[in-house]
Amino acid sequence: MAPYLLHGEVMRQLKEAGCKSYDLWGVQPQDGSLKNWAGFTRFKVGWGGQYYEAPGTFDYPIKKILYLVYRLARNLR
């Protein structure tokens, strides 16, 4: 399948370049609470990665007014 070939090649090139990790950003929590994440979690874990908990992602608005407009528009959808 294409995703396996793509990620396999990317990881090979990164390893050759000296990279020590390749972050696929997020999997289903180990308690299984996010059932809709099961498929891509299986894909990611299949590469032999490790579970670790990071603090998460956060927005840091540079232009606060534009960010407020963005958040309001996003919440209207």
PDB file of N, CA and C in Angstrom:
ATOM      1  N   MET A   1       0.837  -1.188   0.000  1.00  0.00           N
ATOM      2  CA  MET A   1       0.000   0.000   0.000  1.00  0.00           C
ATOM      3  C   MET A   1       0.879   1.247   0.000  1.00  0.00           C
ATOM      4  N   ALA A   2       0.404   2.279  -0.626  1.00  0.00           N
ATOM      5  CA  ALA A   2       1.168   3.514  -0.784  1.00  0.00           C
ATOM      6  C   ALA A   2       1.623   4.138   0.535  1.00  0.00           C
ATOM      7  N   PRO A   3       0.767   4.236   1.570  1.00  0.00           N
ATOM      8  CA  PRO A   3       1.240   4.858   2.810  1.00  0.00           C
ATOM      9  C   PRO A   3       2.436   4.129   3.418  1.00  0.00           C
ATOM     10  N   TYR A   4       2.443   2.803   3.336  1.00  0.00           N
ATOM     11  CA  TYR A   4       3.562   2.040   3.891  1.00  0.00           C
ATOM     12  C   TYR A   4       4.830   2.311   3.094  1.00  0.00           C
ATOM     13  N   LEU A   5       4.721   2.314   1.784  1.00  0.00           N
ATOM     14  CA  LEU A   5       5.873   2.579   0.930  1.00  0.00           C
ATOM     15  C   LEU A   5       6.408   3.986   1.169  1.00  0.00           C
ATOM     16  N   LEU A   6       5.521   4.948   1.229  1.00  0.00           N
ATOM     17  CA  LEU A   6       5.918   6.338   1.443  1.00  0.00           C
ATOM     18  C   LEU A   6       6.642   6.508   2.773  1.00  0.00           C
ATOM     19  N   HIS A   7       6.019   6.048   3.867  1.00  0.00           N
ATOM     20  CA  HIS A   7       6.640   6.219   5.180  1.00  0.00           C
ATOM     21  C   HIS A   7       7.918   5.399   5.307  1.00  0.00           C
ATOM     22  N   GLY A   8       7.941   4.223   4.727  1.00  0.00           N
ATOM     23  CA  GLY A   8       9.154   3.408   4.759  1.00  0.00           C
ATOM     24  C   GLY A   8      10.312   4.117   4.084  1.00  0.00           C
ATOM     25  N   GLU A   9      10.060   4.718   2.942  1.00  0.00           N
ATOM     26  CA  GLU A   9      11.111   5.441   2.222  1.00  0.00           C
ATOM     27  C   GLU A   9      11.546   6.688   2.981  1.00  0.00           C
ATOM     28  N   VAL A  10      10.591   7.426   3.522  1.00  0.00           N
ATOM     29  CA  VAL A  10      10.924   8.622   4.306  1.00  0.00           C
ATOM     30  C   VAL A  10      11.784   8.238   5.504  1.00  0.00           C
ATOM     31  N   MET A  11      11.394   7.182   6.214  1.00  0.00           N
ATOM     32  CA  MET A  11      12.166   6.754   7.390  1.00  0.00           C
ATOM     33  C   MET A  11      13.566   6.295   6.994  1.00  0.00           C
ATOM     34  N   ARG A  12      13.687   5.612   5.875  1.00  0.00           N
ATOM     35  CA  ARG A  12      15.005   5.173   5.407  1.00  0.00           C
ATOM     36  C   ARG A  12      15.905   6.373   5.133  1.00  0.00           C
ATOM     37  N   GLN A  13      15.366   7.373   4.434  1.00  0.00           N
ATOM     38  CA  GLN A  13      16.153   8.561   4.117  1.00  0.00           C
ATOM     39  C   GLN A  13      16.521   9.349   5.367  1.00  0.00           C
ATOM     40  N   LEU A  14      15.587   9.460   6.302  1.00  0.00           N
ATOM     41  CA  LEU A  14      15.878  10.180   7.541  1.00  0.00           C
ATOM     42  C   LEU A  14      16.934   9.462   8.364  1.00  0.00           C
ATOM     43  N   LYS A  15      16.870   8.142   8.397  1.00  0.00           N
ATOM     44  CA  LYS A  15      17.876   7.370   9.134  1.00  0.00           C
ATOM     45  C   LYS A  15      19.252   7.580   8.519  1.00  0.00           C
ATOM     46  N   GLU A  16      19.329   7.562   7.191  1.00  0.00           N
ATOM     47  CA  GLU A  16      20.599   7.820   6.505  1.00  0.00           C
ATOM     48  C   GLU A  16      21.123   9.219   6.815  1.00  0.00           C
ATOM     49  N   ALA A  17      20.209  10.162   7.019  1.00  0.00           N
ATOM     50  CA  ALA A  17      20.597  11.546   7.320  1.00  0.00           C
ATOM     51  C   ALA A  17      20.957  11.730   8.794  1.00  0.00           C
ATOM     52  N   GLY A  18      20.806  10.677   9.603  1.00  0.00           N
ATOM     53  CA  GLY A  18      21.193  10.759  11.006  1.00  0.00           C
ATOM     54  C   GLY A  18      20.075  11.074  11.981  1.00  0.00           C
ATOM     55  N   CYS A  19      18.845  11.113  11.514  1.00  0.00           N
ATOM     56  CA  CYS A  19      17.721  11.393  12.418  1.00  0.00           C
ATOM     57  C   CYS A  19      17.495  10.210  13.354  1.00  0.00           C
ATOM     58  N   LYS A  20      17.126  10.519  14.574  1.00  0.00           N
ATOM     59  CA  LYS A  20      16.909   9.485  15.590  1.00  0.00           C
ATOM     60  C   LYS A  20      15.433   9.165  15.806  1.00  0.00           C
ATOM     61  N   SER A  21      14.536  10.049  15.364  1.00  0.00           N
ATOM     62  CA  SER A  21      13.110   9.785  15.564  1.00  0.00           C
ATOM     63  C   SER A  21      12.302  10.354  14.402  1.00  0.00           C
ATOM     64  N   TYR A  22      11.091   9.827  14.282  1.00  0.00           N
ATOM     65  CA  TYR A  22      10.154  10.242  13.236  1.00  0.00           C
ATOM     66  C   TYR A  22       8.787  10.268  13.892  1.00  0.00           C
ATOM     67  N   ASP A  23       8.265  11.447  14.126  1.00  0.00           N
ATOM     68  CA  ASP A  23       7.033  11.607  14.889  1.00  0.00           C
ATOM     69  C   ASP A  23       5.835  11.618  13.950  1.00  0.00           C
ATOM     70  N   LEU A  24       4.980  10.620  14.089  1.00  0.00           N
ATOM     71  CA  LEU A  24       3.756  10.554  13.289  1.00  0.00           C
ATOM     72  C   LEU A  24       2.588  11.254  13.973  1.00  0.00           C
ATOM     73  N   TRP A  25       2.822  11.901  15.066  1.00  0.00           N
ATOM     74  CA  TRP A  25       1.878  12.735  15.811  1.00  0.00           C
ATOM     75  C   TRP A  25       0.573  12.044  16.188  1.00  0.00           C
ATOM     76  N   GLY A  26       0.610  11.411  17.302  1.00  0.00           N
ATOM     77  CA  GLY A  26      -0.616  10.969  17.935  1.00  0.00           C
ATOM     78  C   GLY A  26      -1.140   9.598  17.576  1.00  0.00           C
ATOM     79  N   VAL A  27      -1.528   8.880  18.611  1.00  0.00           N
ATOM     80  CA  VAL A  27      -2.193   7.591  18.474  1.00  0.00           C
ATOM     81  C   VAL A  27      -3.324   7.528  19.489  1.00  0.00           C
ATOM     82  N   GLN A  28      -4.096   6.483  19.389  1.00  0.00           N
ATOM     83  CA  GLN A  28      -5.185   6.267  20.340  1.00  0.00           C
ATOM     84  C   GLN A  28      -4.582   6.103  21.740  1.00  0.00           C
ATOM     85  N   PRO A  29      -5.172   6.738  22.751  1.00  0.00           N
ATOM     86  CA  PRO A  29      -4.670   6.531  24.114  1.00  0.00           C
ATOM     87  C   PRO A  29      -4.679   5.042  24.464  1.00  0.00           C
ATOM     88  N   GLN A  30      -3.756   4.641  25.310  1.00  0.00           N
ATOM     89  CA  GLN A  30      -3.645   3.224  25.641  1.00  0.00           C
ATOM     90  C   GLN A  30      -4.898   2.677  26.318  1.00  0.00           C
ATOM     91  N   ASP A  31      -5.722   3.555  26.875  1.00  0.00           N
ATOM     92  CA  ASP A  31      -6.975   3.078  27.474  1.00  0.00           C
ATOM     93  C   ASP A  31      -8.055   2.820  26.419  1.00  0.00           C
ATOM     94  N   GLY A  32      -7.756   3.111  25.138  1.00  0.00           N
ATOM     95  CA  GLY A  32      -8.691   2.841  24.051  1.00  0.00           C
ATOM     96  C   GLY A  32      -9.886   3.767  23.991  1.00  0.00           C
ATOM     97  N   SER A  33      -9.786   4.932  24.616  1.00  0.00           N
ATOM     98  CA  SER A  33     -10.940   5.827  24.724  1.00  0.00           C
ATOM     99  C   SER A  33     -11.347   6.492  23.404  1.00  0.00           C
ATOM    100  N   LEU A  34     -10.475   6.554  22.437  1.00  0.00           N
ATOM    101  CA  LEU A  34     -10.816   7.169  21.148  1.00  0.00           C
ATOM    102  C   LEU A  34     -10.920   6.077  20.082  1.00  0.00           C
ATOM    103  N   LYS A  35     -12.071   5.466  20.003  1.00  0.00           N
ATOM    104  CA  LYS A  35     -12.277   4.311  19.117  1.00  0.00           C
ATOM    105  C   LYS A  35     -12.028   4.645  17.643  1.00  0.00           C
ATOM    106  N   ASN A  36     -12.356   5.861  17.225  1.00  0.00           N
ATOM    107  CA  ASN A  36     -12.179   6.216  15.812  1.00  0.00           C
ATOM    108  C   ASN A  36     -10.706   6.416  15.447  1.00  0.00           C
ATOM    109  N   TRP A  37      -9.797   6.334  16.410  1.00  0.00           N
ATOM    110  CA  TRP A  37      -8.361   6.437  16.135  1.00  0.00           C
ATOM    111  C   TRP A  37      -7.716   5.065  15.974  1.00  0.00           C
ATOM    112  N   ALA A  38      -8.487   4.001  16.083  1.00  0.00           N
ATOM    113  CA  ALA A  38      -7.926   2.646  16.100  1.00  0.00           C
ATOM    114  C   ALA A  38      -7.182   2.296  14.814  1.00  0.00           C
ATOM    115  N   GLY A  39      -7.725   2.658  13.654  1.00  0.00           N
ATOM    116  CA  GLY A  39      -7.108   2.293  12.381  1.00  0.00           C
ATOM    117  C   GLY A  39      -5.743   2.908  12.172  1.00  0.00           C
ATOM    118  N   PHE A  40      -5.642   4.220  12.321  1.00  0.00           N
ATOM    119  CA  PHE A  40      -4.332   4.813  12.087  1.00  0.00           C
ATOM    120  C   PHE A  40      -3.380   4.557  13.245  1.00  0.00           C
ATOM    121  N   THR A  41      -3.912   4.244  14.426  1.00  0.00           N
ATOM    122  CA  THR A  41      -3.040   3.826  15.526  1.00  0.00           C
ATOM    123  C   THR A  41      -2.377   2.501  15.173  1.00  0.00           C
ATOM    124  N   ARG A  42      -3.141   1.573  14.626  1.00  0.00           N
ATOM    125  CA  ARG A  42      -2.585   0.280  14.205  1.00  0.00           C
ATOM    126  C   ARG A  42      -1.504   0.495  13.142  1.00  0.00           C
ATOM    127  N   PHE A  43      -1.762   1.407  12.200  1.00  0.00           N
ATOM    128  CA  PHE A  43      -0.778   1.723  11.165  1.00  0.00           C
ATOM    129  C   PHE A  43       0.515   2.248  11.784  1.00  0.00           C
ATOM    130  N   LYS A  44       0.390   3.194  12.703  1.00  0.00           N
ATOM    131  CA  LYS A  44       1.571   3.817  13.301  1.00  0.00           C
ATOM    132  C   LYS A  44       2.334   2.859  14.207  1.00  0.00           C
ATOM    133  N   VAL A  45       1.608   2.120  15.039  1.00  0.00           N
ATOM    134  CA  VAL A  45       2.252   1.183  15.961  1.00  0.00           C
ATOM    135  C   VAL A  45       2.926   0.055  15.177  1.00  0.00           C
ATOM    136  N   GLY A  46       2.402  -0.258  14.009  1.00  0.00           N
ATOM    137  CA  GLY A  46       2.989  -1.297  13.172  1.00  0.00           C
ATOM    138  C   GLY A  46       4.417  -1.009  12.753  1.00  0.00           C
ATOM    139  N   TRP A  47       4.843   0.230  12.867  1.00  0.00           N
ATOM    140  CA  TRP A  47       6.216   0.596  12.525  1.00  0.00           C
ATOM    141  C   TRP A  47       7.181   0.365  13.685  1.00  0.00           C
ATOM    142  N   GLY A  48       6.666  -0.100  14.811  1.00  0.00           N
ATOM    143  CA  GLY A  48       7.547  -0.417  15.932  1.00  0.00           C
ATOM    144  C   GLY A  48       7.889   0.766  16.812  1.00  0.00           C
ATOM    145  N   GLY A  49       7.058   1.768  16.819  1.00  0.00           N
ATOM    146  CA  GLY A  49       7.326   2.960  17.623  1.00  0.00           C
ATOM    147  C   GLY A  49       7.093   2.746  19.102  1.00  0.00           C
ATOM    148  N   GLN A  50       7.273   3.798  19.845  1.00  0.00           N
ATOM    149  CA  GLN A  50       7.098   3.776  21.291  1.00  0.00           C
ATOM    150  C   GLN A  50       5.977   4.730  21.675  1.00  0.00           C
ATOM    151  N   TYR A  51       5.247   4.369  22.724  1.00  0.00           N
ATOM    152  CA  TYR A  51       4.248   5.279  23.276  1.00  0.00           C
ATOM    153  C   TYR A  51       4.948   6.270  24.197  1.00  0.00           C
ATOM    154  N   TYR A  52       4.590   7.522  24.079  1.00  0.00           N
ATOM    155  CA  TYR A  52       5.024   8.521  25.056  1.00  0.00           C
ATOM    156  C   TYR A  52       3.970   9.605  25.090  1.00  0.00           C
ATOM    157  N   GLU A  53       3.853  10.250  26.232  1.00  0.00           N
ATOM    158  CA  GLU A  53       2.863  11.315  26.361  1.00  0.00           C
ATOM    159  C   GLU A  53       3.559  12.659  26.314  1.00  0.00           C
ATOM    160  N   ALA A  54       3.096  13.485  25.408  1.00  0.00           N
ATOM    161  CA  ALA A  54       3.614  14.840  25.263  1.00  0.00           C
ATOM    162  C   ALA A  54       2.554  15.804  25.792  1.00  0.00           C
ATOM    163  N   PRO A  55       2.940  17.029  26.094  1.00  0.00           N
ATOM    164  CA  PRO A  55       1.980  17.967  26.662  1.00  0.00           C
ATOM    165  C   PRO A  55       0.825  18.333  25.745  1.00  0.00           C
ATOM    166  N   GLY A  56       0.940  18.120  24.463  1.00  0.00           N
ATOM    167  CA  GLY A  56      -0.141  18.467  23.550  1.00  0.00           C
ATOM    168  C   GLY A  56       0.239  19.632  22.656  1.00  0.00           C
ATOM    169  N   THR A  57      -0.712  20.078  21.882  1.00  0.00           N
ATOM    170  CA  THR A  57      -0.465  21.214  21.002  1.00  0.00           C
ATOM    171  C   THR A  57      -1.317  22.388  21.458  1.00  0.00           C
ATOM    172  N   PHE A  58      -0.783  23.555  21.270  1.00  0.00           N
ATOM    173  CA  PHE A  58      -1.453  24.761  21.725  1.00  0.00           C
ATOM    174  C   PHE A  58      -1.308  25.847  20.673  1.00  0.00           C
ATOM    175  N   ASP A  59      -2.272  26.732  20.617  1.00  0.00           N
ATOM    176  CA  ASP A  59      -2.195  27.882  19.725  1.00  0.00           C
ATOM    177  C   ASP A  59      -1.542  29.040  20.466  1.00  0.00           C
ATOM    178  N   TYR A  60      -0.681  29.748  19.764  1.00  0.00           N
ATOM    179  CA  TYR A  60      -0.077  30.961  20.309  1.00  0.00           C
ATOM    180  C   TYR A  60      -0.381  32.089  19.328  1.00  0.00           C
ATOM    181  N   PRO A  61      -1.477  32.805  19.557  1.00  0.00           N
ATOM    182  CA  PRO A  61      -1.895  33.829  18.589  1.00  0.00           C
ATOM    183  C   PRO A  61      -0.946  35.022  18.567  1.00  0.00           C
ATOM    184  N   ILE A  62      -0.493  35.364  17.397  1.00  0.00           N
ATOM    185  CA  ILE A  62       0.368  36.535  17.217  1.00  0.00           C
ATOM    186  C   ILE A  62      -0.507  37.780  17.057  1.00  0.00           C
ATOM    187  N   LYS A  63      -1.532  37.661  16.228  1.00  0.00           N
ATOM    188  CA  LYS A  63      -2.473  38.767  16.016  1.00  0.00           C
ATOM    189  C   LYS A  63      -3.780  38.378  16.688  1.00  0.00           C
ATOM    190  N   LYS A  64      -3.972  38.850  17.892  1.00  0.00           N
ATOM    191  CA  LYS A  64      -5.073  38.393  18.734  1.00  0.00           C
ATOM    192  C   LYS A  64      -6.455  38.666  18.138  1.00  0.00           C
ATOM    193  N   ILE A  65      -6.631  39.792  17.485  1.00  0.00           N
ATOM    194  CA  ILE A  65      -7.934  40.109  16.889  1.00  0.00           C
ATOM    195  C   ILE A  65      -8.248  39.133  15.757  1.00  0.00           C
ATOM    196  N   LEU A  66      -7.279  38.903  14.867  1.00  0.00           N
ATOM    197  CA  LEU A  66      -7.501  37.954  13.775  1.00  0.00           C
ATOM    198  C   LEU A  66      -7.747  36.549  14.314  1.00  0.00           C
ATOM    199  N   TYR A  67      -7.064  36.203  15.372  1.00  0.00           N
ATOM    200  CA  TYR A  67      -7.261  34.892  15.980  1.00  0.00           C
ATOM    201  C   TYR A  67      -8.673  34.768  16.555  1.00  0.00           C
ATOM    202  N   LEU A  68      -9.146  35.824  17.169  1.00  0.00           N
ATOM    203  CA  LEU A  68     -10.504  35.827  17.708  1.00  0.00           C
ATOM    204  C   LEU A  68     -11.524  35.628  16.584  1.00  0.00           C
ATOM    205  N   VAL A  69     -11.341  36.336  15.472  1.00  0.00           N
ATOM    206  CA  VAL A  69     -12.234  36.183  14.316  1.00  0.00           C
ATOM    207  C   VAL A  69     -12.172  34.744  13.796  1.00  0.00           C
ATOM    208  N   TYR A  70     -10.979  34.209  13.697  1.00  0.00           N
ATOM    209  CA  TYR A  70     -10.799  32.825  13.243  1.00  0.00           C
ATOM    210  C   TYR A  70     -11.547  31.853  14.151  1.00  0.00           C
ATOM    211  N   ARG A  71     -11.390  32.004  15.459  1.00  0.00           N
ATOM    212  CA  ARG A  71     -12.048  31.102  16.411  1.00  0.00           C
ATOM    213  C   ARG A  71     -13.570  31.219  16.333  1.00  0.00           C
ATOM    214  N   LEU A  72     -14.059  32.441  16.197  1.00  0.00           N
ATOM    215  CA  LEU A  72     -15.506  32.633  16.077  1.00  0.00           C
ATOM    216  C   LEU A  72     -16.039  31.971  14.810  1.00  0.00           C
ATOM    217  N   ALA A  73     -15.339  32.173  13.693  1.00  0.00           N
ATOM    218  CA  ALA A  73     -15.766  31.569  12.428  1.00  0.00           C
ATOM    219  C   ALA A  73     -15.709  30.046  12.514  1.00  0.00           C
ATOM    220  N   ARG A  74     -14.695  29.527  13.142  1.00  0.00           N
ATOM    221  CA  ARG A  74     -14.555  28.074  13.284  1.00  0.00           C
ATOM    222  C   ARG A  74     -15.676  27.484  14.139  1.00  0.00           C
ATOM    223  N   ASN A  75     -16.070  28.198  15.163  1.00  0.00           N
ATOM    224  CA  ASN A  75     -17.138  27.710  16.036  1.00  0.00           C
ATOM    225  C   ASN A  75     -18.514  27.790  15.380  1.00  0.00           C
ATOM    226  N   LEU A  76     -18.669  28.632  14.365  1.00  0.00           N
ATOM    227  CA  LEU A  76     -19.947  28.751  13.666  1.00  0.00           C
ATOM    228  C   LEU A  76     -20.212  27.571  12.736  1.00  0.00           C
ATOM    229  N   ARG A  77     -19.177  26.892  12.311  1.00  0.00           N
ATOM    230  CA  ARG A  77     -19.346  25.771  11.376  1.00  0.00           C
ATOM    231  C   ARG A  77     -20.089  24.643  11.985  1.00  0.00           C
TER     232      ARG A  77
END
